[in-house]
Amino acid sequence: MIAIPTIEERLAFARAHVEWGRGVIARQQQYVRELRESGHDTEAEKLLAAEKLLAVFERTQKVFERDLADLEKRRWALQQPRLDPGSEN
């Protein structure tokens, strides 16, 4: 039997993904800075590849963050009281 994760489990996973992605981006940004500062012509190709990879990481991070925001909205909606269709409220 496959267990369906709860909203809280999904939120925890999404938060971990966002944090992990931030670390990946920080490391890649540092690598790009180091390549720029080296100033060697032989590093130009590496720099271009590193910048392209950083752009991919940043786009992926946006997806992770949108997913987290969506899950937080869903949890908020699930926590709201439901109106009984037969009630006068």
PDB file of N, CA and C in Angstrom:
ATOM      1  N   MET A   1       0.843  -1.180   0.000  1.00  0.00           N
ATOM      2  CA  MET A   1       0.000   0.000   0.000  1.00  0.00           C
ATOM      3  C   MET A   1       0.889   1.245   0.000  1.00  0.00           C
ATOM      4  N   ILE A   2       0.544   2.202  -0.822  1.00  0.00           N
ATOM      5  CA  ILE A   2       1.300   3.445  -0.924  1.00  0.00           C
ATOM      6  C   ILE A   2       0.709   4.462   0.043  1.00  0.00           C
ATOM      7  N   ALA A   3       1.577   5.025   0.875  1.00  0.00           N
ATOM      8  CA  ALA A   3       1.134   6.043   1.827  1.00  0.00           C
ATOM      9  C   ALA A   3       1.120   7.404   1.130  1.00  0.00           C
ATOM     10  N   ILE A   4       0.033   8.092   1.254  1.00  0.00           N
ATOM     11  CA  ILE A   4      -0.081   9.436   0.691  1.00  0.00           C
ATOM     12  C   ILE A   4       0.405  10.417   1.753  1.00  0.00           C
ATOM     13  N   PRO A   5       1.407  11.242   1.410  1.00  0.00           N
ATOM     14  CA  PRO A   5       1.945  12.168   2.419  1.00  0.00           C
ATOM     15  C   PRO A   5       0.914  13.223   2.825  1.00  0.00           C
ATOM     16  N   THR A   6       0.978  13.592   4.079  1.00  0.00           N
ATOM     17  CA  THR A   6       0.107  14.654   4.583  1.00  0.00           C
ATOM     18  C   THR A   6       0.612  15.996   4.073  1.00  0.00           C
ATOM     19  N   ILE A   7      -0.212  17.012   4.221  1.00  0.00           N
ATOM     20  CA  ILE A   7       0.200  18.357   3.809  1.00  0.00           C
ATOM     21  C   ILE A   7       1.428  18.794   4.612  1.00  0.00           C
ATOM     22  N   GLU A   8       1.488  18.418   5.884  1.00  0.00           N
ATOM     23  CA  GLU A   8       2.641  18.788   6.726  1.00  0.00           C
ATOM     24  C   GLU A   8       3.916  18.089   6.244  1.00  0.00           C
ATOM     25  N   GLU A   9       3.796  16.823   5.844  1.00  0.00           N
ATOM     26  CA  GLU A   9       4.958  16.101   5.321  1.00  0.00           C
ATOM     27  C   GLU A   9       5.426  16.723   4.008  1.00  0.00           C
ATOM     28  N   ARG A  10       4.484  17.083   3.169  1.00  0.00           N
ATOM     29  CA  ARG A  10       4.831  17.717   1.895  1.00  0.00           C
ATOM     30  C   ARG A  10       5.470  19.080   2.118  1.00  0.00           C
ATOM     31  N   LEU A  11       4.964  19.820   3.100  1.00  0.00           N
ATOM     32  CA  LEU A  11       5.560  21.113   3.432  1.00  0.00           C
ATOM     33  C   LEU A  11       6.991  20.951   3.934  1.00  0.00           C
ATOM     34  N   ALA A  12       7.205  19.974   4.785  1.00  0.00           N
ATOM     35  CA  ALA A  12       8.558  19.732   5.307  1.00  0.00           C
ATOM     36  C   ALA A  12       9.520  19.398   4.169  1.00  0.00           C
ATOM     37  N   PHE A  13       9.074  18.562   3.257  1.00  0.00           N
ATOM     38  CA  PHE A  13       9.903  18.189   2.114  1.00  0.00           C
ATOM     39  C   PHE A  13      10.189  19.411   1.238  1.00  0.00           C
ATOM     40  N   ALA A  14       9.169  20.225   0.980  1.00  0.00           N
ATOM     41  CA  ALA A  14       9.344  21.418   0.146  1.00  0.00           C
ATOM     42  C   ALA A  14      10.280  22.418   0.815  1.00  0.00           C
ATOM     43  N   ARG A  15      10.155  22.599   2.120  1.00  0.00           N
ATOM     44  CA  ARG A  15      11.054  23.515   2.843  1.00  0.00           C
ATOM     45  C   ARG A  15      12.500  23.030   2.745  1.00  0.00           C
ATOM     46  N   ALA A  16      12.691  21.723   2.894  1.00  0.00           N
ATOM     47  CA  ALA A  16      14.037  21.161   2.778  1.00  0.00           C
ATOM     48  C   ALA A  16      14.599  21.377   1.375  1.00  0.00           C
ATOM     49  N   HIS A  17      13.757  21.217   0.367  1.00  0.00           N
ATOM     50  CA  HIS A  17      14.179  21.438  -1.021  1.00  0.00           C
ATOM     51  C   HIS A  17      14.602  22.890  -1.223  1.00  0.00           C
ATOM     52  N   VAL A  18      13.832  23.821  -0.696  1.00  0.00           N
ATOM     53  CA  VAL A  18      14.149  25.241  -0.830  1.00  0.00           C
ATOM     54  C   VAL A  18      15.481  25.547  -0.156  1.00  0.00           C
ATOM     55  N   GLU A  19      15.668  25.042   1.044  1.00  0.00           N
ATOM     56  CA  GLU A  19      16.928  25.284   1.761  1.00  0.00           C
ATOM     57  C   GLU A  19      18.110  24.669   1.023  1.00  0.00           C
ATOM     58  N   TRP A  20      17.931  23.445   0.545  1.00  0.00           N
ATOM     59  CA  TRP A  20      18.990  22.773  -0.208  1.00  0.00           C
ATOM     60  C   TRP A  20      19.340  23.589  -1.448  1.00  0.00           C
ATOM     61  N   GLY A  21      18.319  24.052  -2.158  1.00  0.00           N
ATOM     62  CA  GLY A  21      18.540  24.844  -3.364  1.00  0.00           C
ATOM     63  C   GLY A  21      19.287  26.135  -3.081  1.00  0.00           C
ATOM     64  N   ARG A  22      18.991  26.769  -1.966  1.00  0.00           N
ATOM     65  CA  ARG A  22      19.704  28.001  -1.594  1.00  0.00           C
ATOM     66  C   ARG A  22      21.190  27.722  -1.394  1.00  0.00           C
ATOM     67  N   GLY A  23      21.493  26.586  -0.787  1.00  0.00           N
ATOM     68  CA  GLY A  23      22.894  26.215  -0.590  1.00  0.00           C
ATOM     69  C   GLY A  23      23.598  25.953  -1.911  1.00  0.00           C
ATOM     70  N   VAL A  24      22.929  25.262  -2.813  1.00  0.00           N
ATOM     71  CA  VAL A  24      23.502  24.975  -4.134  1.00  0.00           C
ATOM     72  C   VAL A  24      23.794  26.288  -4.861  1.00  0.00           C
ATOM     73  N   ILE A  25      22.845  27.206  -4.818  1.00  0.00           N
ATOM     74  CA  ILE A  25      23.027  28.494  -5.494  1.00  0.00           C
ATOM     75  C   ILE A  25      24.177  29.276  -4.873  1.00  0.00           C
ATOM     76  N   ALA A  26      24.263  29.295  -3.567  1.00  0.00           N
ATOM     77  CA  ALA A  26      25.347  30.024  -2.897  1.00  0.00           C
ATOM     78  C   ALA A  26      26.712  29.462  -3.301  1.00  0.00           C
ATOM     79  N   ARG A  27      26.825  28.147  -3.357  1.00  0.00           N
ATOM     80  CA  ARG A  27      28.103  27.538  -3.756  1.00  0.00           C
ATOM     81  C   ARG A  27      28.438  27.860  -5.209  1.00  0.00           C
ATOM     82  N   GLN A  28      27.417  27.812  -6.068  1.00  0.00           N
ATOM     83  CA  GLN A  28      27.666  28.106  -7.483  1.00  0.00           C
ATOM     84  C   GLN A  28      28.017  29.574  -7.678  1.00  0.00           C
ATOM     85  N   GLN A  29      27.367  30.467  -6.932  1.00  0.00           N
ATOM     86  CA  GLN A  29      27.705  31.891  -7.014  1.00  0.00           C
ATOM     87  C   GLN A  29      29.156  32.125  -6.595  1.00  0.00           C
ATOM     88  N   GLN A  30      29.585  31.434  -5.550  1.00  0.00           N
ATOM     89  CA  GLN A  30      30.962  31.560  -5.090  1.00  0.00           C
ATOM     90  C   GLN A  30      31.932  31.074  -6.161  1.00  0.00           C
ATOM     91  N   TYR A  31      31.600  29.965  -6.799  1.00  0.00           N
ATOM     92  CA  TYR A  31      32.444  29.429  -7.864  1.00  0.00           C
ATOM     93  C   TYR A  31      32.541  30.420  -9.027  1.00  0.00           C
ATOM     94  N   VAL A  32      31.423  31.016  -9.412  1.00  0.00           N
ATOM     95  CA  VAL A  32      31.417  32.010 -10.490  1.00  0.00           C
ATOM     96  C   VAL A  32      32.284  33.205 -10.098  1.00  0.00           C
ATOM     97  N   ARG A  33      32.154  33.682  -8.851  1.00  0.00           N
ATOM     98  CA  ARG A  33      32.982  34.801  -8.374  1.00  0.00           C
ATOM     99  C   ARG A  33      34.467  34.455  -8.468  1.00  0.00           C
ATOM    100  N   GLU A  34      34.822  33.259  -8.024  1.00  0.00           N
ATOM    101  CA  GLU A  34      36.225  32.836  -8.063  1.00  0.00           C
ATOM    102  C   GLU A  34      36.750  32.789  -9.494  1.00  0.00           C
ATOM    103  N   LEU A  35      35.942  32.286 -10.405  1.00  0.00           N
ATOM    104  CA  LEU A  35      36.372  32.246 -11.806  1.00  0.00           C
ATOM    105  C   LEU A  35      36.545  33.654 -12.371  1.00  0.00           C
ATOM    106  N   ARG A  36      35.626  34.558 -12.040  1.00  0.00           N
ATOM    107  CA  ARG A  36      35.736  35.944 -12.518  1.00  0.00           C
ATOM    108  C   ARG A  36      36.987  36.612 -11.971  1.00  0.00           C
ATOM    109  N   GLU A  37      37.251  36.360 -10.686  1.00  0.00           N
ATOM    110  CA  GLU A  37      38.398  36.996 -10.039  1.00  0.00           C
ATOM    111  C   GLU A  37      39.726  36.435 -10.528  1.00  0.00           C
ATOM    112  N   SER A  38      39.724  35.209 -11.030  1.00  0.00           N
ATOM    113  CA  SER A  38      40.983  34.611 -11.498  1.00  0.00           C
ATOM    114  C   SER A  38      41.505  35.363 -12.713  1.00  0.00           C
ATOM    115  N   GLY A  39      40.571  35.847 -13.553  1.00  0.00           N
ATOM    116  CA  GLY A  39      40.952  36.679 -14.680  1.00  0.00           C
ATOM    117  C   GLY A  39      41.745  35.984 -15.775  1.00  0.00           C
ATOM    118  N   HIS A  40      41.926  34.698 -15.710  1.00  0.00           N
ATOM    119  CA  HIS A  40      42.683  33.976 -16.735  1.00  0.00           C
ATOM    120  C   HIS A  40      41.804  33.717 -17.950  1.00  0.00           C
ATOM    121  N   ASP A  41      42.366  33.923 -19.115  1.00  0.00           N
ATOM    122  CA  ASP A  41      41.628  33.653 -20.352  1.00  0.00           C
ATOM    123  C   ASP A  41      41.241  32.184 -20.450  1.00  0.00           C
ATOM    124  N   THR A  42      42.053  31.311 -19.874  1.00  0.00           N
ATOM    125  CA  THR A  42      41.760  29.879 -19.937  1.00  0.00           C
ATOM    126  C   THR A  42      40.518  29.532 -19.129  1.00  0.00           C
ATOM    127  N   GLU A  43      40.087  30.428 -18.251  1.00  0.00           N
ATOM    128  CA  GLU A  43      38.920  30.189 -17.407  1.00  0.00           C
ATOM    129  C   GLU A  43      37.623  30.676 -18.062  1.00  0.00           C
ATOM    130  N   ALA A  44      37.713  31.362 -19.209  1.00  0.00           N
ATOM    131  CA  ALA A  44      36.533  31.959 -19.841  1.00  0.00           C
ATOM    132  C   ALA A  44      35.470  30.910 -20.168  1.00  0.00           C
ATOM    133  N   GLU A  45      35.886  29.789 -20.687  1.00  0.00           N
ATOM    134  CA  GLU A  45      34.926  28.738 -21.034  1.00  0.00           C
ATOM    135  C   GLU A  45      34.277  28.158 -19.773  1.00  0.00           C
ATOM    136  N   LYS A  46      35.092  27.961 -18.746  1.00  0.00           N
ATOM    137  CA  LYS A  46      34.554  27.464 -17.471  1.00  0.00           C
ATOM    138  C   LYS A  46      33.563  28.468 -16.887  1.00  0.00           C
ATOM    139  N   LEU A  47      33.907  29.749 -16.981  1.00  0.00           N
ATOM    140  CA  LEU A  47      33.039  30.799 -16.442  1.00  0.00           C
ATOM    141  C   LEU A  47      31.690  30.792 -17.151  1.00  0.00           C
ATOM    142  N   LEU A  48      31.687  30.702 -18.462  1.00  0.00           N
ATOM    143  CA  LEU A  48      30.438  30.680 -19.214  1.00  0.00           C
ATOM    144  C   LEU A  48      29.581  29.485 -18.807  1.00  0.00           C
ATOM    145  N   ALA A  49      30.198  28.322 -18.703  1.00  0.00           N
ATOM    146  CA  ALA A  49      29.463  27.123 -18.296  1.00  0.00           C
ATOM    147  C   ALA A  49      28.935  27.265 -16.871  1.00  0.00           C
ATOM    148  N   ALA A  50      29.748  27.836 -15.980  1.00  0.00           N
ATOM    149  CA  ALA A  50      29.336  28.017 -14.580  1.00  0.00           C
ATOM    150  C   ALA A  50      28.176  29.000 -14.473  1.00  0.00           C
ATOM    151  N   GLU A  51      28.201  30.054 -15.279  1.00  0.00           N
ATOM    152  CA  GLU A  51      27.104  31.031 -15.259  1.00  0.00           C
ATOM    153  C   GLU A  51      25.816  30.414 -15.806  1.00  0.00           C
ATOM    154  N   LYS A  52      25.932  29.625 -16.848  1.00  0.00           N
ATOM    155  CA  LYS A  52      24.747  28.957 -17.389  1.00  0.00           C
ATOM    156  C   LYS A  52      24.155  27.994 -16.372  1.00  0.00           C
ATOM    157  N   LEU A  53      25.011  27.248 -15.696  1.00  0.00           N
ATOM    158  CA  LEU A  53      24.532  26.315 -14.678  1.00  0.00           C
ATOM    159  C   LEU A  53      23.882  27.065 -13.522  1.00  0.00           C
ATOM    160  N   LEU A  54      24.460  28.187 -13.130  1.00  0.00           N
ATOM    161  CA  LEU A  54      23.867  29.010 -12.074  1.00  0.00           C
ATOM    162  C   LEU A  54      22.463  29.462 -12.484  1.00  0.00           C
ATOM    163  N   ALA A  55      22.294  29.857 -13.733  1.00  0.00           N
ATOM    164  CA  ALA A  55      20.977  30.285 -14.214  1.00  0.00           C
ATOM    165  C   ALA A  55      19.968  29.134 -14.128  1.00  0.00           C
ATOM    166  N   VAL A  56      20.407  27.924 -14.439  1.00  0.00           N
ATOM    167  CA  VAL A  56      19.526  26.752 -14.322  1.00  0.00           C
ATOM    168  C   VAL A  56      19.135  26.538 -12.859  1.00  0.00           C
ATOM    169  N   PHE A  57      20.124  26.620 -11.968  1.00  0.00           N
ATOM    170  CA  PHE A  57      19.837  26.453 -10.534  1.00  0.00           C
ATOM    171  C   PHE A  57      18.844  27.503 -10.054  1.00  0.00           C
ATOM    172  N   GLU A  58      19.020  28.746 -10.506  1.00  0.00           N
ATOM    173  CA  GLU A  58      18.118  29.822 -10.067  1.00  0.00           C
ATOM    174  C   GLU A  58      16.699  29.605 -10.590  1.00  0.00           C
ATOM    175  N   ARG A  59      16.567  29.151 -11.831  1.00  0.00           N
ATOM    176  CA  ARG A  59      15.221  28.860 -12.358  1.00  0.00           C
ATOM    177  C   ARG A  59      14.578  27.708 -11.588  1.00  0.00           C
ATOM    178  N   THR A  60      15.359  26.693 -11.306  1.00  0.00           N
ATOM    179  CA  THR A  60      14.854  25.544 -10.549  1.00  0.00           C
ATOM    180  C   THR A  60      14.433  25.979  -9.152  1.00  0.00           C
ATOM    181  N   GLN A  61      15.209  26.866  -8.546  1.00  0.00           N
ATOM    182  CA  GLN A  61      14.883  27.357  -7.206  1.00  0.00           C
ATOM    183  C   GLN A  61      13.539  28.073  -7.205  1.00  0.00           C
ATOM    184  N   LYS A  62      13.267  28.823  -8.255  1.00  0.00           N
ATOM    185  CA  LYS A  62      11.973  29.506  -8.347  1.00  0.00           C
ATOM    186  C   LYS A  62      10.823  28.505  -8.350  1.00  0.00           C
ATOM    187  N   VAL A  63      11.030  27.377  -9.015  1.00  0.00           N
ATOM    188  CA  VAL A  63      10.003  26.323  -9.026  1.00  0.00           C
ATOM    189  C   VAL A  63       9.819  25.771  -7.616  1.00  0.00           C
ATOM    190  N   PHE A  64      10.937  25.490  -6.928  1.00  0.00           N
ATOM    191  CA  PHE A  64      10.856  24.989  -5.548  1.00  0.00           C
ATOM    192  C   PHE A  64      10.104  25.974  -4.661  1.00  0.00           C
ATOM    193  N   GLU A  65      10.418  27.259  -4.794  1.00  0.00           N
ATOM    194  CA  GLU A  65       9.796  28.274  -3.936  1.00  0.00           C
ATOM    195  C   GLU A  65       8.315  28.470  -4.264  1.00  0.00           C
ATOM    196  N   ARG A  66       7.959  28.393  -5.554  1.00  0.00           N
ATOM    197  CA  ARG A  66       6.537  28.473  -5.920  1.00  0.00           C
ATOM    198  C   ARG A  66       5.769  27.276  -5.363  1.00  0.00           C
ATOM    199  N   ASP A  67       6.383  26.101  -5.420  1.00  0.00           N
ATOM    200  CA  ASP A  67       5.747  24.898  -4.887  1.00  0.00           C
ATOM    201  C   ASP A  67       5.514  25.044  -3.388  1.00  0.00           C
ATOM    202  N   LEU A  68       6.514  25.532  -2.675  1.00  0.00           N
ATOM    203  CA  LEU A  68       6.373  25.741  -1.238  1.00  0.00           C
ATOM    204  C   LEU A  68       5.254  26.744  -0.949  1.00  0.00           C
ATOM    205  N   ALA A  69       5.226  27.846  -1.674  1.00  0.00           N
ATOM    206  CA  ALA A  69       4.178  28.857  -1.463  1.00  0.00           C
ATOM    207  C   ALA A  69       2.799  28.270  -1.732  1.00  0.00           C
ATOM    208  N   ASP A  70       2.690  27.453  -2.777  1.00  0.00           N
ATOM    209  CA  ASP A  70       1.412  26.816  -3.107  1.00  0.00           C
ATOM    210  C   ASP A  70       0.970  25.874  -1.987  1.00  0.00           C
ATOM    211  N   LEU A  71       1.899  25.095  -1.467  1.00  0.00           N
ATOM    212  CA  LEU A  71       1.561  24.175  -0.368  1.00  0.00           C
ATOM    213  C   LEU A  71       1.135  24.938   0.877  1.00  0.00           C
ATOM    214  N   GLU A  72       1.808  26.068   1.149  1.00  0.00           N
ATOM    215  CA  GLU A  72       1.428  26.867   2.317  1.00  0.00           C
ATOM    216  C   GLU A  72       0.016  27.439   2.147  1.00  0.00           C
ATOM    217  N   LYS A  73      -0.328  27.844   0.934  1.00  0.00           N
ATOM    218  CA  LYS A  73      -1.687  28.335   0.676  1.00  0.00           C
ATOM    219  C   LYS A  73      -2.710  27.210   0.856  1.00  0.00           C
ATOM    220  N   ARG A  74      -2.363  26.031   0.374  1.00  0.00           N
ATOM    221  CA  ARG A  74      -3.275  24.888   0.530  1.00  0.00           C
ATOM    222  C   ARG A  74      -3.492  24.555   2.000  1.00  0.00           C
ATOM    223  N   ARG A  75      -2.409  24.564   2.773  1.00  0.00           N
ATOM    224  CA  ARG A  75      -2.553  24.271   4.201  1.00  0.00           C
ATOM    225  C   ARG A  75      -3.434  25.320   4.857  1.00  0.00           C
ATOM    226  N   TRP A  76      -3.231  26.581   4.515  1.00  0.00           N
ATOM    227  CA  TRP A  76      -4.053  27.646   5.081  1.00  0.00           C
ATOM    228  C   TRP A  76      -5.521  27.405   4.735  1.00  0.00           C
ATOM    229  N   ALA A  77      -5.786  27.061   3.485  1.00  0.00           N
ATOM    230  CA  ALA A  77      -7.172  26.820   3.056  1.00  0.00           C
ATOM    231  C   ALA A  77      -7.776  25.636   3.804  1.00  0.00           C
ATOM    232  N   LEU A  78      -6.987  24.610   4.044  1.00  0.00           N
ATOM    233  CA  LEU A  78      -7.484  23.434   4.762  1.00  0.00           C
ATOM    234  C   LEU A  78      -7.799  23.749   6.221  1.00  0.00           C
ATOM    235  N   GLN A  79      -7.145  24.761   6.762  1.00  0.00           N
ATOM    236  CA  GLN A  79      -7.348  25.116   8.168  1.00  0.00           C
ATOM    237  C   GLN A  79      -8.547  26.031   8.380  1.00  0.00           C
ATOM    238  N   GLN A  80      -9.107  26.562   7.300  1.00  0.00           N
ATOM    239  CA  GLN A  80     -10.241  27.476   7.422  1.00  0.00           C
ATOM    240  C   GLN A  80     -11.511  26.693   7.724  1.00  0.00           C
ATOM    241  N   PRO A  81     -12.370  27.267   8.578  1.00  0.00           N
ATOM    242  CA  PRO A  81     -13.634  26.583   8.886  1.00  0.00           C
ATOM    243  C   PRO A  81     -14.503  26.476   7.632  1.00  0.00           C
ATOM    244  N   ARG A  82     -15.151  25.386   7.522  1.00  0.00           N
ATOM    245  CA  ARG A  82     -16.036  25.148   6.387  1.00  0.00           C
ATOM    246  C   ARG A  82     -17.454  25.539   6.777  1.00  0.00           C
ATOM    247  N   LEU A  83     -18.128  26.183   5.863  1.00  0.00           N
ATOM    248  CA  LEU A  83     -19.519  26.559   6.103  1.00  0.00           C
ATOM    249  C   LEU A  83     -20.406  25.373   5.715  1.00  0.00           C
ATOM    250  N   ASP A  84     -21.362  25.101   6.542  1.00  0.00           N
ATOM    251  CA  ASP A  84     -22.323  24.042   6.261  1.00  0.00           C
ATOM    252  C   ASP A  84     -23.301  24.587   5.224  1.00  0.00           C
ATOM    253  N   PRO A  85     -23.442  23.917   4.068  1.00  0.00           N
ATOM    254  CA  PRO A  85     -24.342  24.428   3.025  1.00  0.00           C
ATOM    255  C   PRO A  85     -25.779  24.598   3.515  1.00  0.00           C
ATOM    256  N   GLY A  86     -26.183  23.889   4.539  1.00  0.00           N
ATOM    257  CA  GLY A  86     -27.552  24.002   5.041  1.00  0.00           C
ATOM    258  C   GLY A  86     -27.711  25.061   6.112  1.00  0.00           C
ATOM    259  N   SER A  87     -26.602  25.681   6.528  1.00  0.00           N
ATOM    260  CA  SER A  87     -26.703  26.677   7.590  1.00  0.00           C
ATOM    261  C   SER A  87     -27.088  28.030   7.021  1.00  0.00           C
ATOM    262  N   GLU A  88     -27.493  28.932   7.887  1.00  0.00           N
ATOM    263  CA  GLU A  88     -27.921  30.264   7.462  1.00  0.00           C
ATOM    264  C   GLU A  88     -26.772  31.239   7.422  1.00  0.00           C
ATOM    265  N   ASN A  89     -25.562  30.832   7.771  1.00  0.00           N
ATOM    266  CA  ASN A  89     -24.378  31.729   7.759  1.00  0.00           C
ATOM    267  C   ASN A  89     -23.852  31.916   6.386  1.00  0.00           C
TER     268      ASN A  89
END
